[in-house]
Amino acid sequence: MQLQESGEMYLETILILSLKGKPVRSIDVVEYMGYSKPSVSRAVGLLKSGGYLEMDQNGYLTLTDEGRRVAERTYERHQLLTEFFVHIGVNPDVAAEDACKIEHVISDETFQAIKKHAGKE
């Protein structure tokens, strides 16, 4: 299953929420992203069927190994691009917003070059 930008955003959100040390449920994703419950429910179902996400009997969401790989890659891109844009003089809010858009479409080659240039390799 080829993930679209929205799928990557959901996985990244679940990773961010899980890094806070609490179990993550769909309602947490609803609140964090500001999406409707039906939208999140549909996305969770698709991510589960794609093998990116698991849900236990209590409704807690856990990233699979593949889901975690995608989420960590997306989150790394977001963080590094935000830092890079701020470093070159972009307002932090604008930098974060632009990074969120670019993180899904930037090629691995270009991202690795930025990472190397930023000394994060």
C-alpha atoms as a PDB file:
ATOM      1  CA  MET A   1       0.000   0.000   0.000  1.00  0.00           C
ATOM      2  CA  GLN A   2       1.446   3.337  -1.085  1.00  0.00           C
ATOM      3  CA  LEU A   3       0.838   5.965   1.578  1.00  0.00           C
ATOM      4  CA  GLN A   4      -0.453   9.368   0.688  1.00  0.00           C
ATOM      5  CA  GLU A   5       0.500  12.567   2.479  1.00  0.00           C
ATOM      6  CA  SER A   6      -2.465  12.285   4.837  1.00  0.00           C
ATOM      7  CA  GLY A   7      -1.454   8.771   5.894  1.00  0.00           C
ATOM      8  CA  GLU A   8       2.052   9.981   6.680  1.00  0.00           C
ATOM      9  CA  MET A   9       0.582  12.842   8.716  1.00  0.00           C
ATOM     10  CA  TYR A  10      -1.551  10.462  10.774  1.00  0.00           C
ATOM     11  CA  LEU A  11       1.420   8.187  11.465  1.00  0.00           C
ATOM     12  CA  GLU A  12       3.594  11.160  12.394  1.00  0.00           C
ATOM     13  CA  THR A  13       0.887  12.421  14.761  1.00  0.00           C
ATOM     14  CA  ILE A  14       0.597   9.030  16.466  1.00  0.00           C
ATOM     15  CA  LEU A  15       4.381   8.965  16.886  1.00  0.00           C
ATOM     16  CA  ILE A  16       4.433  12.494  18.364  1.00  0.00           C
ATOM     17  CA  LEU A  17       1.626  11.651  20.771  1.00  0.00           C
ATOM     18  CA  SER A  18       3.277   8.370  21.801  1.00  0.00           C
ATOM     19  CA  LEU A  19       6.543  10.196  22.532  1.00  0.00           C
ATOM     20  CA  LYS A  20       4.682  11.978  25.338  1.00  0.00           C
ATOM     21  CA  GLY A  21       4.654   8.636  27.176  1.00  0.00           C
ATOM     22  CA  LYS A  22       0.907   8.015  27.193  1.00  0.00           C
ATOM     23  CA  PRO A  23      -1.089   5.445  25.238  1.00  0.00           C
ATOM     24  CA  VAL A  24      -2.661   6.924  22.100  1.00  0.00           C
ATOM     25  CA  ARG A  25      -6.293   6.533  21.103  1.00  0.00           C
ATOM     26  CA  SER A  26      -8.187   7.815  18.094  1.00  0.00           C
ATOM     27  CA  ILE A  27      -9.732  10.623  20.146  1.00  0.00           C
ATOM     28  CA  ASP A  28      -6.219  11.907  20.915  1.00  0.00           C
ATOM     29  CA  VAL A  29      -5.537  12.081  17.176  1.00  0.00           C
ATOM     30  CA  VAL A  30      -8.870  13.896  16.655  1.00  0.00           C
ATOM     31  CA  GLU A  31      -7.941  16.500  19.259  1.00  0.00           C
ATOM     32  CA  TYR A  32      -4.341  16.938  18.088  1.00  0.00           C
ATOM     33  CA  MET A  33      -5.113  17.243  14.383  1.00  0.00           C
ATOM     34  CA  GLY A  34      -8.477  18.960  14.651  1.00  0.00           C
ATOM     35  CA  TYR A  35     -10.138  16.455  12.322  1.00  0.00           C
ATOM     36  CA  SER A  36     -13.557  14.884  12.743  1.00  0.00           C
ATOM     37  CA  LYS A  37     -14.003  11.532  14.477  1.00  0.00           C
ATOM     38  CA  PRO A  38     -15.287   9.867  11.274  1.00  0.00           C
ATOM     39  CA  SER A  39     -12.253  11.096   9.302  1.00  0.00           C
ATOM     40  CA  VAL A  40      -9.826   9.752  11.885  1.00  0.00           C
ATOM     41  CA  SER A  41     -11.757   6.490  12.183  1.00  0.00           C
ATOM     42  CA  ARG A  42     -11.577   5.975   8.416  1.00  0.00           C
ATOM     43  CA  ALA A  43      -7.856   6.789   8.317  1.00  0.00           C
ATOM     44  CA  VAL A  44      -7.126   4.449  11.239  1.00  0.00           C
ATOM     45  CA  GLY A  45      -8.996   1.671   9.431  1.00  0.00           C
ATOM     46  CA  LEU A  46      -6.984   2.211   6.253  1.00  0.00           C
ATOM     47  CA  LEU A  47      -3.687   2.358   8.145  1.00  0.00           C
ATOM     48  CA  LYS A  48      -4.577  -0.845  10.009  1.00  0.00           C
ATOM     49  CA  SER A  49      -5.461  -2.673   6.798  1.00  0.00           C
ATOM     50  CA  GLY A  50      -2.240  -1.393   5.218  1.00  0.00           C
ATOM     51  CA  GLY A  51      -0.147  -2.863   8.023  1.00  0.00           C
ATOM     52  CA  TYR A  52       1.016   0.460   9.472  1.00  0.00           C
ATOM     53  CA  LEU A  53      -1.006   0.471  12.651  1.00  0.00           C
ATOM     54  CA  GLU A  54      -2.544  -1.865  15.208  1.00  0.00           C
ATOM     55  CA  MET A  55      -5.377  -1.244  17.666  1.00  0.00           C
ATOM     56  CA  ASP A  56      -5.860  -3.296  20.818  1.00  0.00           C
ATOM     57  CA  GLN A  57      -9.172  -4.236  22.470  1.00  0.00           C
ATOM     58  CA  ASN A  58      -9.086  -0.998  24.514  1.00  0.00           C
ATOM     59  CA  GLY A  59      -8.728   1.181  21.415  1.00  0.00           C
ATOM     60  CA  TYR A  60      -5.053   2.008  21.931  1.00  0.00           C
ATOM     61  CA  LEU A  61      -3.075   2.609  18.743  1.00  0.00           C
ATOM     62  CA  THR A  62       0.389   1.206  18.172  1.00  0.00           C
ATOM     63  CA  LEU A  63       2.586   1.733  15.139  1.00  0.00           C
ATOM     64  CA  THR A  64       3.846  -1.425  13.448  1.00  0.00           C
ATOM     65  CA  ASP A  65       7.524  -1.565  12.524  1.00  0.00           C
ATOM     66  CA  GLU A  66       6.688  -0.236   9.057  1.00  0.00           C
ATOM     67  CA  GLY A  67       4.382   2.429  10.487  1.00  0.00           C
ATOM     68  CA  ARG A  68       7.100   3.550  12.891  1.00  0.00           C
ATOM     69  CA  ARG A  69       9.652   3.681  10.061  1.00  0.00           C
ATOM     70  CA  VAL A  70       7.397   5.959   7.995  1.00  0.00           C
ATOM     71  CA  ALA A  71       6.473   8.108  11.012  1.00  0.00           C
ATOM     72  CA  GLU A  72      10.085   8.559  12.125  1.00  0.00           C
ATOM     73  CA  ARG A  73      11.216   9.433   8.592  1.00  0.00           C
ATOM     74  CA  THR A  74       8.440  12.006   8.243  1.00  0.00           C
ATOM     75  CA  TYR A  75       9.069  13.461  11.714  1.00  0.00           C
ATOM     76  CA  GLU A  76      12.821  13.709  11.084  1.00  0.00           C
ATOM     77  CA  ARG A  77      12.164  15.576   7.857  1.00  0.00           C
ATOM     78  CA  HIS A  78       9.742  17.924   9.594  1.00  0.00           C
ATOM     79  CA  GLN A  79      12.156  18.735  12.396  1.00  0.00           C
ATOM     80  CA  LEU A  80      15.231  19.194  10.220  1.00  0.00           C
ATOM     81  CA  LEU A  81      13.448  21.264   7.570  1.00  0.00           C
ATOM     82  CA  THR A  82      11.921  23.485  10.245  1.00  0.00           C
ATOM     83  CA  GLU A  83      15.335  24.035  11.850  1.00  0.00           C
ATOM     84  CA  PHE A  84      16.926  24.705   8.470  1.00  0.00           C
ATOM     85  CA  PHE A  85      14.288  27.260   7.457  1.00  0.00           C
ATOM     86  CA  VAL A  86      14.535  29.056  10.815  1.00  0.00           C
ATOM     87  CA  HIS A  87      18.334  29.083  10.454  1.00  0.00           C
ATOM     88  CA  ILE A  88      18.080  30.874   7.109  1.00  0.00           C
ATOM     89  CA  GLY A  89      15.759  33.508   8.571  1.00  0.00           C
ATOM     90  CA  VAL A  90      12.231  32.197   8.163  1.00  0.00           C
ATOM     91  CA  ASN A  91       9.734  32.941  10.950  1.00  0.00           C
ATOM     92  CA  PRO A  92       9.436  29.772  13.119  1.00  0.00           C
ATOM     93  CA  ASP A  93       5.682  29.424  12.550  1.00  0.00           C
ATOM     94  CA  VAL A  94       6.057  29.788   8.795  1.00  0.00           C
ATOM     95  CA  ALA A  95       9.060  27.446   8.831  1.00  0.00           C
ATOM     96  CA  ALA A  96       7.068  24.713  10.617  1.00  0.00           C
ATOM     97  CA  GLU A  97       4.117  25.159   8.259  1.00  0.00           C
ATOM     98  CA  ASP A  98       6.311  24.985   5.149  1.00  0.00           C
ATOM     99  CA  ALA A  99       8.235  22.000   6.513  1.00  0.00           C
ATOM    100  CA  CYS A 100       4.950  20.167   7.027  1.00  0.00           C
ATOM    101  CA  LYS A 101       4.116  20.633   3.350  1.00  0.00           C
ATOM    102  CA  ILE A 102       7.567  19.819   1.993  1.00  0.00           C
ATOM    103  CA  GLU A 103       8.337  16.784   4.198  1.00  0.00           C
ATOM    104  CA  HIS A 104       5.969  14.636   2.124  1.00  0.00           C
ATOM    105  CA  VAL A 105       7.275  15.479  -1.332  1.00  0.00           C
ATOM    106  CA  ILE A 106      10.994  16.149  -0.968  1.00  0.00           C
ATOM    107  CA  SER A 107      13.202  13.517  -2.589  1.00  0.00           C
ATOM    108  CA  ASP A 108      15.539  11.413  -0.481  1.00  0.00           C
ATOM    109  CA  GLU A 109      18.475  12.855  -2.425  1.00  0.00           C
ATOM    110  CA  THR A 110      17.553  16.461  -1.680  1.00  0.00           C
ATOM    111  CA  PHE A 111      16.738  15.737   1.954  1.00  0.00           C
ATOM    112  CA  GLN A 112      20.067  13.958   2.461  1.00  0.00           C
ATOM    113  CA  ALA A 113      21.883  16.935   0.908  1.00  0.00           C
ATOM    114  CA  ILE A 114      20.113  19.351   3.281  1.00  0.00           C
ATOM    115  CA  LYS A 115      20.849  17.028   6.189  1.00  0.00           C
ATOM    116  CA  LYS A 116      24.525  16.924   5.227  1.00  0.00           C
ATOM    117  CA  HIS A 117      24.661  20.698   4.743  1.00  0.00           C
ATOM    118  CA  ALA A 118      23.099  21.181   8.190  1.00  0.00           C
ATOM    119  CA  GLY A 119      25.692  18.850   9.744  1.00  0.00           C
ATOM    120  CA  LYS A 120      23.034  16.379  10.908  1.00  0.00           C
ATOM    121  CA  GLU A 121      24.320  13.370   8.991  1.00  0.00           C
END
